[in-house]
Amino acid sequence: ARFYQASSSEMFGKVREVPQTELTAFHPRSPYGAAKAYGHYITVNYRESYNLFAVSGILFNHESPRRGREFVTRKISDGVARIKLGLGRDLCMGNLDSQRDWGFAGDYVRAMWMMLQQPQPDDYVIATGTAHSVRDFIERAFARVGLDWKRYVVQDPQFIRPAEVDRLLGDSSKARGVLGWKPLVDFGGLVDMMVDADLERLKTALP
């Protein structure tokens, strides 16, 4: 049997270095990040103790039209589509300066599969290597539908986290070199894909 464990860039939290690699120290800033760090370490422990084929993918943010609307990327794409179709008037957001290394979930699932095909188990950072701010995501999403984002975005302090993670940027050199993996969908293509999918979904629901 071969075991894949889903680690997360949220384990890095208050980052010690940029970009983050497989060797970067963890400093999680949320219960989620702390739990993921435990899952990562216990997987390493079982692999080393019992000679298991157990791997961890340290995946940076991976998005798609299937992302839940409680996540910021989908909140943006859904909100933009609603505004474009006259179903909404504004988009309430928190910190626009937070930066993430966003990639397409389909590319990252391919990396998971590739990890499990290797002769030896190991851990890999999966990331695009490019960081974008929440503001960048908003600008691209509104541009996709021909609207000026500044007319619709409202900043609301209630959406700002008490322990913010300011910047996550991954170095996936190991995955690219060992697995032969690379992302095929870039940031702009990802945002456009998500906005287009929400437009289609909402259009079909219109009377």
C-alpha atoms as a PDB file:
ATOM      1  CA  ALA A   1       0.000   0.000   0.000  1.00  0.00           C
ATOM      2  CA  ARG A   2       1.076   3.580  -0.669  1.00  0.00           C
ATOM      3  CA  PHE A   3      -0.143   6.435   1.533  1.00  0.00           C
ATOM      4  CA  TYR A   4      -0.513  10.110   0.594  1.00  0.00           C
ATOM      5  CA  GLN A   5      -0.840  12.705   3.366  1.00  0.00           C
ATOM      6  CA  ALA A   6      -2.081  16.213   2.563  1.00  0.00           C
ATOM      7  CA  SER A   7       0.224  18.723   4.224  1.00  0.00           C
ATOM      8  CA  SER A   8      -0.296  22.461   3.720  1.00  0.00           C
ATOM      9  CA  SER A   9       1.589  25.712   3.216  1.00  0.00           C
ATOM     10  CA  GLU A  10      -0.351  26.968   6.261  1.00  0.00           C
ATOM     11  CA  MET A  11       2.169  25.000   8.354  1.00  0.00           C
ATOM     12  CA  PHE A  12       4.746  27.697   7.525  1.00  0.00           C
ATOM     13  CA  GLY A  13       2.502  30.473   8.881  1.00  0.00           C
ATOM     14  CA  LYS A  14       4.759  33.257  10.162  1.00  0.00           C
ATOM     15  CA  VAL A  15       7.407  32.415   7.621  1.00  0.00           C
ATOM     16  CA  ARG A  16      11.106  32.237   8.486  1.00  0.00           C
ATOM     17  CA  GLU A  17      12.240  32.524   4.862  1.00  0.00           C
ATOM     18  CA  VAL A  18      10.886  33.299   1.394  1.00  0.00           C
ATOM     19  CA  PRO A  19      10.361  31.192  -0.625  1.00  0.00           C
ATOM     20  CA  GLN A  20       9.517  28.159   1.497  1.00  0.00           C
ATOM     21  CA  THR A  21      11.037  24.739   0.765  1.00  0.00           C
ATOM     22  CA  GLU A  22      10.750  21.259   2.251  1.00  0.00           C
ATOM     23  CA  LEU A  23      13.381  22.306   4.826  1.00  0.00           C
ATOM     24  CA  THR A  24      11.762  25.576   5.980  1.00  0.00           C
ATOM     25  CA  ALA A  25      10.784  25.588   9.675  1.00  0.00           C
ATOM     26  CA  PHE A  26       7.065  25.528  10.519  1.00  0.00           C
ATOM     27  CA  HIS A  27       5.396  28.344  12.504  1.00  0.00           C
ATOM     28  CA  PRO A  28       1.638  27.799  12.075  1.00  0.00           C
ATOM     29  CA  ARG A  29      -0.704  30.711  12.844  1.00  0.00           C
ATOM     30  CA  SER A  30      -4.017  28.844  13.006  1.00  0.00           C
ATOM     31  CA  PRO A  31      -5.457  25.650  14.512  1.00  0.00           C
ATOM     32  CA  TYR A  32      -5.640  24.305  10.956  1.00  0.00           C
ATOM     33  CA  GLY A  33      -1.945  24.952  10.348  1.00  0.00           C
ATOM     34  CA  ALA A  34      -0.987  23.413  13.704  1.00  0.00           C
ATOM     35  CA  ALA A  35      -3.035  20.272  12.986  1.00  0.00           C
ATOM     36  CA  LYS A  36      -1.463  19.975   9.542  1.00  0.00           C
ATOM     37  CA  ALA A  37       2.020  20.237  11.066  1.00  0.00           C
ATOM     38  CA  TYR A  38       1.186  17.349  13.409  1.00  0.00           C
ATOM     39  CA  GLY A  39      -0.097  15.272  10.479  1.00  0.00           C
ATOM     40  CA  HIS A  40       3.104  15.988   8.578  1.00  0.00           C
ATOM     41  CA  TYR A  41       5.423  15.037  11.429  1.00  0.00           C
ATOM     42  CA  ILE A  42       3.541  11.864  12.360  1.00  0.00           C
ATOM     43  CA  THR A  43       3.659  10.730   8.717  1.00  0.00           C
ATOM     44  CA  VAL A  44       7.439  11.197   8.699  1.00  0.00           C
ATOM     45  CA  ASN A  45       7.639   9.324  12.014  1.00  0.00           C
ATOM     46  CA  TYR A  46       5.664   6.321  10.744  1.00  0.00           C
ATOM     47  CA  ARG A  47       7.616   6.242   7.478  1.00  0.00           C
ATOM     48  CA  GLU A  48      10.925   6.153   9.330  1.00  0.00           C
ATOM     49  CA  SER A  49       9.764   3.804  12.112  1.00  0.00           C
ATOM     50  CA  TYR A  50       7.878   1.200  10.074  1.00  0.00           C
ATOM     51  CA  ASN A  51       9.383   1.588   6.595  1.00  0.00           C
ATOM     52  CA  LEU A  52       6.033   2.635   5.115  1.00  0.00           C
ATOM     53  CA  PHE A  53       5.589   4.155   1.677  1.00  0.00           C
ATOM     54  CA  ALA A  54       4.080   7.356   3.086  1.00  0.00           C
ATOM     55  CA  VAL A  55       4.499  10.737   1.408  1.00  0.00           C
ATOM     56  CA  SER A  56       3.371  14.255   2.251  1.00  0.00           C
ATOM     57  CA  GLY A  57       2.576  16.890  -0.335  1.00  0.00           C
ATOM     58  CA  ILE A  58       3.153  20.368   1.093  1.00  0.00           C
ATOM     59  CA  LEU A  59       0.599  21.961  -1.172  1.00  0.00           C
ATOM     60  CA  PHE A  60       0.295  25.699  -1.481  1.00  0.00           C
ATOM     61  CA  ASN A  61      -3.151  27.165  -2.168  1.00  0.00           C
ATOM     62  CA  HIS A  62      -4.821  25.172  -4.928  1.00  0.00           C
ATOM     63  CA  GLU A  63      -8.076  26.462  -6.357  1.00  0.00           C
ATOM     64  CA  SER A  64     -10.761  25.532  -8.874  1.00  0.00           C
ATOM     65  CA  PRO A  65     -14.425  26.273  -9.626  1.00  0.00           C
ATOM     66  CA  ARG A  66     -15.239  23.506  -7.107  1.00  0.00           C
ATOM     67  CA  ARG A  67     -13.733  25.477  -4.211  1.00  0.00           C
ATOM     68  CA  GLY A  68     -16.247  26.257  -1.456  1.00  0.00           C
ATOM     69  CA  ARG A  69     -17.646  29.784  -1.366  1.00  0.00           C
ATOM     70  CA  GLU A  70     -16.360  30.279   2.187  1.00  0.00           C
ATOM     71  CA  PHE A  71     -12.812  30.501   0.758  1.00  0.00           C
ATOM     72  CA  VAL A  72     -11.555  33.896  -0.402  1.00  0.00           C
ATOM     73  CA  THR A  73     -10.878  32.966  -4.040  1.00  0.00           C
ATOM     74  CA  ARG A  74     -14.324  31.509  -4.614  1.00  0.00           C
ATOM     75  CA  LYS A  75     -15.925  34.312  -2.598  1.00  0.00           C
ATOM     76  CA  ILE A  76     -14.352  36.703  -5.101  1.00  0.00           C
ATOM     77  CA  SER A  77     -15.278  34.788  -8.271  1.00  0.00           C
ATOM     78  CA  ASP A  78     -18.841  34.221  -7.073  1.00  0.00           C
ATOM     79  CA  GLY A  79     -19.203  37.835  -5.921  1.00  0.00           C
ATOM     80  CA  VAL A  80     -17.897  39.210  -9.218  1.00  0.00           C
ATOM     81  CA  ALA A  81     -20.263  37.007 -11.220  1.00  0.00           C
ATOM     82  CA  ARG A  82     -23.217  38.108  -9.076  1.00  0.00           C
ATOM     83  CA  ILE A  83     -22.361  41.780  -9.507  1.00  0.00           C
ATOM     84  CA  LYS A  84     -21.954  41.375 -13.280  1.00  0.00           C
ATOM     85  CA  LEU A  85     -25.371  39.697 -13.551  1.00  0.00           C
ATOM     86  CA  GLY A  86     -27.098  42.262 -11.333  1.00  0.00           C
ATOM     87  CA  LEU A  87     -27.527  39.805  -8.454  1.00  0.00           C
ATOM     88  CA  GLY A  88     -25.242  41.691  -6.056  1.00  0.00           C
ATOM     89  CA  ARG A  89     -24.057  45.236  -5.390  1.00  0.00           C
ATOM     90  CA  ASP A  90     -20.742  44.941  -3.566  1.00  0.00           C
ATOM     91  CA  LEU A  91     -18.043  42.577  -2.355  1.00  0.00           C
ATOM     92  CA  CYS A  92     -17.017  42.783   1.322  1.00  0.00           C
ATOM     93  CA  MET A  93     -13.378  41.846   1.904  1.00  0.00           C
ATOM     94  CA  GLY A  94     -10.757  41.868   4.658  1.00  0.00           C
ATOM     95  CA  ASN A  95      -7.004  42.273   4.129  1.00  0.00           C
ATOM     96  CA  LEU A  96      -6.281  42.912   0.451  1.00  0.00           C
ATOM     97  CA  ASP A  97      -2.509  42.797   0.912  1.00  0.00           C
ATOM     98  CA  SER A  98      -2.161  39.137   1.978  1.00  0.00           C
ATOM     99  CA  GLN A  99      -0.162  37.226  -0.619  1.00  0.00           C
ATOM    100  CA  ARG A 100      -0.533  33.602  -1.601  1.00  0.00           C
ATOM    101  CA  ASP A 101       0.985  31.255  -4.148  1.00  0.00           C
ATOM    102  CA  TRP A 102      -2.235  30.215  -5.923  1.00  0.00           C
ATOM    103  CA  GLY A 103      -2.349  27.318  -8.383  1.00  0.00           C
ATOM    104  CA  PHE A 104      -4.917  25.139 -10.149  1.00  0.00           C
ATOM    105  CA  ALA A 105      -6.129  22.134  -8.146  1.00  0.00           C
ATOM    106  CA  GLY A 106      -5.986  19.862 -11.205  1.00  0.00           C
ATOM    107  CA  ASP A 107      -2.245  20.496 -11.563  1.00  0.00           C
ATOM    108  CA  TYR A 108      -1.717  19.734  -7.874  1.00  0.00           C
ATOM    109  CA  VAL A 109      -3.669  16.471  -7.942  1.00  0.00           C
ATOM    110  CA  ARG A 110      -1.407  15.391 -10.807  1.00  0.00           C
ATOM    111  CA  ALA A 111       1.565  16.070  -8.508  1.00  0.00           C
ATOM    112  CA  MET A 112       0.003  13.912  -5.767  1.00  0.00           C
ATOM    113  CA  TRP A 113      -0.271  11.009  -8.207  1.00  0.00           C
ATOM    114  CA  MET A 114       3.330  11.500  -9.370  1.00  0.00           C
ATOM    115  CA  MET A 115       4.602  11.337  -5.767  1.00  0.00           C
ATOM    116  CA  LEU A 116       2.997   7.924  -5.374  1.00  0.00           C
ATOM    117  CA  GLN A 117       4.707   6.575  -8.519  1.00  0.00           C
ATOM    118  CA  GLN A 118       8.250   7.146  -7.223  1.00  0.00           C
ATOM    119  CA  PRO A 119      10.556   4.280  -6.184  1.00  0.00           C
ATOM    120  CA  GLN A 120      11.154   5.906  -2.776  1.00  0.00           C
ATOM    121  CA  PRO A 121       8.735   7.869  -0.548  1.00  0.00           C
ATOM    122  CA  ASP A 122       9.530  11.519   0.132  1.00  0.00           C
ATOM    123  CA  ASP A 123       7.900  14.892   0.829  1.00  0.00           C
ATOM    124  CA  TYR A 124       7.479  17.629  -1.774  1.00  0.00           C
ATOM    125  CA  VAL A 125       6.472  21.290  -1.902  1.00  0.00           C
ATOM    126  CA  ILE A 126       3.926  21.817  -4.680  1.00  0.00           C
ATOM    127  CA  ALA A 127       3.629  25.460  -5.726  1.00  0.00           C
ATOM    128  CA  THR A 128       3.754  27.757  -8.746  1.00  0.00           C
ATOM    129  CA  GLY A 129       6.617  29.858  -7.367  1.00  0.00           C
ATOM    130  CA  THR A 130       4.694  33.103  -7.927  1.00  0.00           C
ATOM    131  CA  ALA A 131       2.853  35.062  -5.225  1.00  0.00           C
ATOM    132  CA  HIS A 132      -0.157  37.305  -5.807  1.00  0.00           C
ATOM    133  CA  SER A 133      -2.116  39.478  -3.394  1.00  0.00           C
ATOM    134  CA  VAL A 134      -5.828  39.251  -2.707  1.00  0.00           C
ATOM    135  CA  ARG A 135      -6.002  42.617  -4.483  1.00  0.00           C
ATOM    136  CA  ASP A 136      -4.394  41.067  -7.581  1.00  0.00           C
ATOM    137  CA  PHE A 137      -7.033  38.322  -7.573  1.00  0.00           C
ATOM    138  CA  ILE A 138      -9.827  40.887  -7.248  1.00  0.00           C
ATOM    139  CA  GLU A 139      -8.441  43.083 -10.042  1.00  0.00           C
ATOM    140  CA  ARG A 140      -8.148  40.154 -12.446  1.00  0.00           C
ATOM    141  CA  ALA A 141     -11.614  38.825 -11.592  1.00  0.00           C
ATOM    142  CA  PHE A 142     -13.350  42.165 -12.165  1.00  0.00           C
ATOM    143  CA  ALA A 143     -11.301  42.784 -15.324  1.00  0.00           C
ATOM    144  CA  ARG A 144     -12.613  39.477 -16.670  1.00  0.00           C
ATOM    145  CA  VAL A 145     -16.150  40.899 -16.664  1.00  0.00           C
ATOM    146  CA  GLY A 146     -15.131  44.424 -17.702  1.00  0.00           C
ATOM    147  CA  LEU A 147     -15.739  46.157 -14.359  1.00  0.00           C
ATOM    148  CA  ASP A 148     -13.651  48.498 -12.177  1.00  0.00           C
ATOM    149  CA  TRP A 149     -13.130  46.657  -8.875  1.00  0.00           C
ATOM    150  CA  LYS A 150     -12.747  49.881  -6.859  1.00  0.00           C
ATOM    151  CA  ARG A 151     -16.423  50.687  -7.410  1.00  0.00           C
ATOM    152  CA  TYR A 152     -17.609  47.470  -5.768  1.00  0.00           C
ATOM    153  CA  VAL A 153     -15.110  46.276  -3.133  1.00  0.00           C
ATOM    154  CA  VAL A 154     -15.743  47.282   0.488  1.00  0.00           C
ATOM    155  CA  GLN A 155     -13.159  46.527   3.181  1.00  0.00           C
ATOM    156  CA  ASP A 156     -14.691  45.204   6.401  1.00  0.00           C
ATOM    157  CA  PRO A 157     -12.538  44.720   9.565  1.00  0.00           C
ATOM    158  CA  GLN A 158     -14.602  41.678  10.601  1.00  0.00           C
ATOM    159  CA  PHE A 159     -12.920  39.693   7.816  1.00  0.00           C
ATOM    160  CA  ILE A 160      -9.370  40.392   9.048  1.00  0.00           C
ATOM    161  CA  ARG A 161      -7.800  37.463  10.922  1.00  0.00           C
ATOM    162  CA  PRO A 162      -6.356  38.034  14.431  1.00  0.00           C
ATOM    163  CA  ALA A 163      -3.123  36.201  13.476  1.00  0.00           C
ATOM    164  CA  GLU A 164      -2.677  36.934   9.792  1.00  0.00           C
ATOM    165  CA  VAL A 165      -0.379  34.995   7.477  1.00  0.00           C
ATOM    166  CA  ASP A 166       1.087  37.741   5.308  1.00  0.00           C
ATOM    167  CA  ARG A 167       2.964  35.966   2.525  1.00  0.00           C
ATOM    168  CA  LEU A 168       3.295  32.381   1.391  1.00  0.00           C
ATOM    169  CA  LEU A 169       5.479  31.567  -1.613  1.00  0.00           C
ATOM    170  CA  GLY A 170       6.635  28.065  -2.430  1.00  0.00           C
ATOM    171  CA  ASP A 171       9.811  26.751  -4.032  1.00  0.00           C
ATOM    172  CA  SER A 172       8.848  23.560  -5.883  1.00  0.00           C
ATOM    173  CA  SER A 173      12.312  22.942  -7.369  1.00  0.00           C
ATOM    174  CA  LYS A 174      12.483  19.469  -5.827  1.00  0.00           C
ATOM    175  CA  ALA A 175       9.139  18.395  -7.331  1.00  0.00           C
ATOM    176  CA  ARG A 176      10.102  19.818 -10.706  1.00  0.00           C
ATOM    177  CA  GLY A 177      13.483  18.078 -10.665  1.00  0.00           C
ATOM    178  CA  VAL A 178      12.575  14.701  -9.154  1.00  0.00           C
ATOM    179  CA  LEU A 179       8.973  14.246 -10.294  1.00  0.00           C
ATOM    180  CA  GLY A 180       9.189  16.174 -13.550  1.00  0.00           C
ATOM    181  CA  TRP A 181       6.126  18.148 -12.438  1.00  0.00           C
ATOM    182  CA  LYS A 182       5.195  21.696 -13.406  1.00  0.00           C
ATOM    183  CA  PRO A 183       1.941  23.692 -13.278  1.00  0.00           C
ATOM    184  CA  LEU A 184       0.105  24.076 -16.588  1.00  0.00           C
ATOM    185  CA  VAL A 185      -2.460  26.739 -15.580  1.00  0.00           C
ATOM    186  CA  ASP A 186      -1.119  30.189 -14.682  1.00  0.00           C
ATOM    187  CA  PHE A 187      -2.628  32.716 -12.266  1.00  0.00           C
ATOM    188  CA  GLY A 188      -4.618  34.627 -14.879  1.00  0.00           C
ATOM    189  CA  GLY A 189      -5.997  31.439 -16.381  1.00  0.00           C
ATOM    190  CA  LEU A 190      -7.055  30.222 -12.941  1.00  0.00           C
ATOM    191  CA  VAL A 191      -8.935  33.416 -12.061  1.00  0.00           C
ATOM    192  CA  ASP A 192     -10.637  33.524 -15.459  1.00  0.00           C
ATOM    193  CA  MET A 193     -11.658  29.864 -15.148  1.00  0.00           C
ATOM    194  CA  MET A 194     -13.277  30.458 -11.759  1.00  0.00           C
ATOM    195  CA  VAL A 195     -15.127  33.619 -12.795  1.00  0.00           C
ATOM    196  CA  ASP A 196     -16.364  31.998 -16.019  1.00  0.00           C
ATOM    197  CA  ALA A 197     -17.637  28.951 -14.121  1.00  0.00           C
ATOM    198  CA  ASP A 198     -19.570  31.085 -11.634  1.00  0.00           C
ATOM    199  CA  LEU A 199     -21.056  33.180 -14.443  1.00  0.00           C
ATOM    200  CA  GLU A 200     -22.283  30.011 -16.174  1.00  0.00           C
ATOM    201  CA  ARG A 201     -23.655  28.544 -12.960  1.00  0.00           C
ATOM    202  CA  LEU A 202     -25.573  31.699 -12.047  1.00  0.00           C
ATOM    203  CA  LYS A 203     -26.857  32.288 -15.583  1.00  0.00           C
ATOM    204  CA  THR A 204     -28.497  28.865 -15.626  1.00  0.00           C
ATOM    205  CA  ALA A 205     -30.304  29.721 -12.373  1.00  0.00           C
ATOM    206  CA  LEU A 206     -31.742  32.977 -13.723  1.00  0.00           C
ATOM    207  CA  PRO A 207     -35.449  32.959 -14.656  1.00  0.00           C
END
